[in-house]
Amino acid sequence: MNQPRPITIFKALADETRLGIVNKLAQEGGKSAVKSCDIIACASITKLSQPAMSHHFAKLVESGVLREHRNGTEKAYSIDRELLESVGIDITKL
């Protein structure tokens, strides 16, 4: 798979909701993956619909910011810290 271009990464993070998602995952998820069922709970907290949250997560996965892991029908997401560091983003400062 090709490495995402930096502009794609920055565009994904330019959205306030997506930046908030990455920030929240960085704080709560640490290095572990967050399950998709937690995304639904996150949707209720952010007052966004589940389809809207899925859209934002899809954009983050497409850009390479998040990695999507599948286990049967369940999905989990984790931050690609190496990719973000390669373009000069320190997630501890988001």
N, C-alpha and C. Protein backbone atom coordinates (compact mmCIF):
# COMPACT_ATOMS: atom_id res chain seq x y z
N MET A 1 0.84 -1.19 0.00
CA MET A 1 0.00 0.00 0.00
C MET A 1 0.88 1.24 0.00
N ASN A 2 0.48 2.24 -0.76
CA ASN A 2 1.23 3.47 -0.83
C ASN A 2 1.08 4.28 0.45
N GLN A 3 2.14 4.99 0.78
CA GLN A 3 2.11 5.88 1.94
C GLN A 3 1.22 7.08 1.62
N PRO A 4 0.30 7.43 2.50
CA PRO A 4 -0.55 8.60 2.26
C PRO A 4 0.29 9.87 2.15
N ARG A 5 -0.15 10.78 1.30
CA ARG A 5 0.55 12.05 1.14
C ARG A 5 0.26 12.92 2.36
N PRO A 6 1.24 13.73 2.76
CA PRO A 6 1.03 14.60 3.92
C PRO A 6 -0.22 15.48 3.80
N ILE A 7 -0.51 15.98 2.60
CA ILE A 7 -1.68 16.85 2.45
C ILE A 7 -2.96 16.11 2.81
N THR A 8 -3.03 14.82 2.49
CA THR A 8 -4.20 14.01 2.82
C THR A 8 -4.35 13.88 4.34
N ILE A 9 -3.25 13.70 5.01
CA ILE A 9 -3.25 13.58 6.47
C ILE A 9 -3.70 14.89 7.11
N PHE A 10 -3.14 16.00 6.64
CA PHE A 10 -3.49 17.30 7.21
C PHE A 10 -4.94 17.68 6.93
N LYS A 11 -5.44 17.32 5.75
CA LYS A 11 -6.85 17.59 5.43
C LYS A 11 -7.77 16.81 6.36
N ALA A 12 -7.42 15.57 6.63
CA ALA A 12 -8.24 14.76 7.53
C ALA A 12 -8.26 15.35 8.93
N LEU A 13 -7.13 15.86 9.37
CA LEU A 13 -7.03 16.42 10.72
C LEU A 13 -7.52 17.86 10.80
N ALA A 14 -7.77 18.49 9.66
CA ALA A 14 -8.24 19.88 9.66
C ALA A 14 -9.68 20.00 10.13
N ASP A 15 -10.42 18.91 10.08
CA ASP A 15 -11.80 18.92 10.56
C ASP A 15 -11.80 18.83 12.09
N GLU A 16 -12.54 19.70 12.72
CA GLU A 16 -12.56 19.77 14.19
C GLU A 16 -13.03 18.46 14.83
N THR A 17 -14.03 17.83 14.24
CA THR A 17 -14.54 16.57 14.79
C THR A 17 -13.48 15.47 14.69
N ARG A 18 -12.83 15.36 13.51
CA ARG A 18 -11.82 14.32 13.34
C ARG A 18 -10.60 14.56 14.23
N LEU A 19 -10.22 15.81 14.37
CA LEU A 19 -9.11 16.13 15.27
C LEU A 19 -9.47 15.75 16.70
N GLY A 20 -10.71 16.01 17.08
CA GLY A 20 -11.18 15.63 18.41
C GLY A 20 -11.17 14.12 18.61
N ILE A 21 -11.54 13.37 17.57
CA ILE A 21 -11.52 11.91 17.64
C ILE A 21 -10.11 11.41 17.88
N VAL A 22 -9.16 11.93 17.11
CA VAL A 22 -7.76 11.50 17.26
C VAL A 22 -7.23 11.88 18.63
N ASN A 23 -7.57 13.07 19.10
CA ASN A 23 -7.15 13.52 20.42
C ASN A 23 -7.71 12.60 21.50
N LYS A 24 -8.99 12.26 21.37
CA LYS A 24 -9.64 11.39 22.36
C LYS A 24 -9.02 9.99 22.34
N LEU A 25 -8.77 9.47 21.15
CA LEU A 25 -8.13 8.15 21.05
C LEU A 25 -6.72 8.17 21.63
N ALA A 26 -6.01 9.26 21.41
CA ALA A 26 -4.66 9.38 21.95
C ALA A 26 -4.68 9.40 23.47
N GLN A 27 -5.67 10.07 24.07
CA GLN A 27 -5.77 10.15 25.52
C GLN A 27 -6.27 8.85 26.13
N GLU A 28 -7.31 8.28 25.56
CA GLU A 28 -7.94 7.11 26.16
C GLU A 28 -7.41 5.79 25.66
N GLY A 29 -7.12 5.73 24.37
CA GLY A 29 -6.72 4.45 23.77
C GLY A 29 -5.28 4.09 24.00
N GLY A 30 -4.47 5.09 24.24
CA GLY A 30 -3.05 4.82 24.38
C GLY A 30 -2.54 4.13 23.13
N LYS A 31 -1.89 3.00 23.29
CA LYS A 31 -1.39 2.26 22.14
C LYS A 31 -2.33 1.13 21.75
N SER A 32 -3.40 0.95 22.49
CA SER A 32 -4.33 -0.13 22.18
C SER A 32 -5.41 0.36 21.23
N ALA A 33 -6.10 -0.57 20.62
CA ALA A 33 -7.16 -0.25 19.68
C ALA A 33 -8.47 0.02 20.42
N VAL A 34 -9.31 0.86 19.82
CA VAL A 34 -10.62 1.18 20.36
C VAL A 34 -11.65 0.45 19.51
N LYS A 35 -12.56 -0.26 20.15
CA LYS A 35 -13.56 -1.04 19.42
C LYS A 35 -14.63 -0.15 18.82
N SER A 36 -15.23 -0.66 17.75
CA SER A 36 -16.27 0.11 17.05
C SER A 36 -17.47 0.36 17.95
N CYS A 37 -17.76 -0.53 18.89
CA CYS A 37 -18.89 -0.29 19.79
C CYS A 37 -18.64 0.95 20.64
N ASP A 38 -17.39 1.26 20.92
CA ASP A 38 -17.06 2.48 21.66
C ASP A 38 -17.30 3.72 20.80
N ILE A 39 -17.25 3.55 19.49
CA ILE A 39 -17.53 4.66 18.58
C ILE A 39 -18.99 5.07 18.70
N ILE A 40 -19.87 4.09 18.82
CA ILE A 40 -21.29 4.38 18.97
C ILE A 40 -21.52 5.16 20.26
N ALA A 41 -20.84 4.77 21.32
CA ALA A 41 -20.95 5.51 22.58
C ALA A 41 -20.39 6.92 22.40
N CYS A 42 -19.32 7.04 21.65
CA CYS A 42 -18.71 8.35 21.37
C CYS A 42 -19.69 9.23 20.58
N ALA A 43 -20.45 8.62 19.69
CA ALA A 43 -21.43 9.37 18.90
C ALA A 43 -22.48 10.01 19.79
N SER A 44 -22.90 9.28 20.81
CA SER A 44 -23.92 9.85 21.70
C SER A 44 -23.36 10.99 22.54
N ILE A 45 -22.09 10.90 22.88
CA ILE A 45 -21.46 11.96 23.67
C ILE A 45 -21.27 13.22 22.83
N THR A 46 -20.87 13.05 21.57
CA THR A 46 -20.60 14.20 20.71
C THR A 46 -21.85 14.75 20.04
N LYS A 47 -22.97 14.12 20.27
CA LYS A 47 -24.25 14.55 19.70
C LYS A 47 -24.29 14.37 18.18
N LEU A 48 -23.43 13.50 17.66
CA LEU A 48 -23.45 13.18 16.23
C LEU A 48 -24.10 11.82 16.05
N SER A 49 -24.68 11.61 14.90
CA SER A 49 -25.30 10.31 14.61
C SER A 49 -24.21 9.27 14.38
N GLN A 50 -24.58 8.02 14.52
CA GLN A 50 -23.63 6.94 14.27
C GLN A 50 -23.12 6.98 12.83
N PRO A 51 -23.98 7.23 11.81
CA PRO A 51 -23.46 7.34 10.45
C PRO A 51 -22.46 8.49 10.28
N ALA A 52 -22.69 9.60 10.96
CA ALA A 52 -21.75 10.72 10.89
C ALA A 52 -20.41 10.34 11.50
N MET A 53 -20.44 9.66 12.63
CA MET A 53 -19.20 9.21 13.26
C MET A 53 -18.48 8.21 12.36
N SER A 54 -19.24 7.30 11.76
CA SER A 54 -18.63 6.33 10.84
C SER A 54 -17.95 7.03 9.67
N HIS A 55 -18.58 8.09 9.17
CA HIS A 55 -18.00 8.87 8.08
C HIS A 55 -16.66 9.46 8.51
N HIS A 56 -16.61 10.06 9.69
CA HIS A 56 -15.37 10.66 10.16
C HIS A 56 -14.29 9.61 10.37
N PHE A 57 -14.66 8.47 10.93
CA PHE A 57 -13.68 7.40 11.11
C PHE A 57 -13.18 6.89 9.77
N ALA A 58 -14.07 6.78 8.78
CA ALA A 58 -13.67 6.33 7.44
C ALA A 58 -12.66 7.29 6.83
N LYS A 59 -12.89 8.59 6.98
CA LYS A 59 -11.95 9.59 6.46
C LYS A 59 -10.58 9.47 7.13
N LEU A 60 -10.58 9.20 8.43
CA LEU A 60 -9.31 9.05 9.15
C LEU A 60 -8.59 7.78 8.72
N VAL A 61 -9.33 6.73 8.43
CA VAL A 61 -8.72 5.48 7.95
C VAL A 61 -8.18 5.68 6.54
N GLU A 62 -8.96 6.31 5.66
CA GLU A 62 -8.53 6.58 4.28
C GLU A 62 -7.24 7.39 4.24
N SER A 63 -7.11 8.33 5.15
CA SER A 63 -5.92 9.19 5.17
C SER A 63 -4.72 8.50 5.79
N GLY A 64 -4.96 7.39 6.47
CA GLY A 64 -3.86 6.67 7.12
C GLY A 64 -3.66 7.05 8.57
N VAL A 65 -4.39 8.03 9.05
CA VAL A 65 -4.24 8.48 10.43
C VAL A 65 -4.62 7.37 11.40
N LEU A 66 -5.70 6.66 11.09
CA LEU A 66 -6.13 5.53 11.91
C LEU A 66 -5.95 4.24 11.14
N ARG A 67 -5.65 3.20 11.88
CA ARG A 67 -5.62 1.84 11.32
C ARG A 67 -6.90 1.14 11.75
N GLU A 68 -7.47 0.41 10.82
CA GLU A 68 -8.70 -0.34 11.11
C GLU A 68 -8.33 -1.82 11.20
N HIS A 69 -8.73 -2.44 12.28
CA HIS A 69 -8.48 -3.86 12.50
C HIS A 69 -9.82 -4.57 12.56
N ARG A 70 -9.94 -5.66 11.83
CA ARG A 70 -11.20 -6.41 11.84
C ARG A 70 -11.00 -7.75 12.53
N ASN A 71 -11.99 -8.10 13.34
CA ASN A 71 -12.03 -9.40 13.99
C ASN A 71 -13.45 -9.92 13.81
N GLY A 72 -13.68 -10.68 12.75
CA GLY A 72 -15.03 -11.10 12.43
C GLY A 72 -15.83 -9.90 11.96
N THR A 73 -16.94 -9.63 12.63
CA THR A 73 -17.77 -8.48 12.27
C THR A 73 -17.41 -7.24 13.07
N GLU A 74 -16.53 -7.37 14.02
CA GLU A 74 -16.15 -6.24 14.87
C GLU A 74 -14.93 -5.52 14.32
N LYS A 75 -14.94 -4.21 14.42
CA LYS A 75 -13.82 -3.38 14.00
C LYS A 75 -13.20 -2.71 15.22
N ALA A 76 -11.91 -2.46 15.12
CA ALA A 76 -11.22 -1.69 16.15
C ALA A 76 -10.29 -0.71 15.43
N TYR A 77 -10.01 0.40 16.08
CA TYR A 77 -9.20 1.45 15.47
C TYR A 77 -8.04 1.83 16.38
N SER A 78 -6.90 2.13 15.75
CA SER A 78 -5.75 2.62 16.50
C SER A 78 -5.06 3.71 15.68
N ILE A 79 -4.37 4.58 16.36
CA ILE A 79 -3.67 5.68 15.71
C ILE A 79 -2.37 5.17 15.12
N ASP A 80 -2.07 5.58 13.90
CA ASP A 80 -0.79 5.24 13.28
C ASP A 80 0.21 6.33 13.70
N ARG A 81 0.77 6.14 14.86
CA ARG A 81 1.68 7.14 15.43
C ARG A 81 2.91 7.37 14.57
N GLU A 82 3.44 6.30 13.98
CA GLU A 82 4.63 6.43 13.14
C GLU A 82 4.36 7.31 11.93
N LEU A 83 3.20 7.13 11.31
CA LEU A 83 2.84 7.95 10.16
C LEU A 83 2.74 9.42 10.56
N LEU A 84 2.05 9.69 11.66
CA LEU A 84 1.90 11.07 12.10
C LEU A 84 3.26 11.69 12.45
N GLU A 85 4.11 10.93 13.10
CA GLU A 85 5.45 11.45 13.44
C GLU A 85 6.25 11.71 12.18
N SER A 86 6.04 10.90 11.11
CA SER A 86 6.79 11.08 9.88
C SER A 86 6.47 12.40 9.17
N VAL A 87 5.31 12.97 9.47
CA VAL A 87 4.95 14.28 8.89
C VAL A 87 5.04 15.40 9.92
N GLY A 88 5.65 15.10 11.07
CA GLY A 88 5.93 16.12 12.07
C GLY A 88 4.82 16.39 13.06
N ILE A 89 3.90 15.46 13.21
CA ILE A 89 2.79 15.65 14.15
C ILE A 89 3.07 14.87 15.43
N ASP A 90 3.09 15.59 16.53
CA ASP A 90 3.25 14.99 17.85
C ASP A 90 1.85 14.91 18.47
N ILE A 91 1.29 13.71 18.54
CA ILE A 91 -0.10 13.59 19.01
C ILE A 91 -0.27 13.96 20.47
N THR A 92 0.82 14.00 21.22
CA THR A 92 0.71 14.40 22.62
C THR A 92 0.42 15.90 22.74
N LYS A 93 0.60 16.63 21.63
CA LYS A 93 0.38 18.07 21.65
C LYS A 93 -0.88 18.49 20.92
N LEU A 94 -1.72 17.53 20.55
CA LEU A 94 -2.99 17.87 19.86
C LEU A 94 -3.98 18.44 20.83
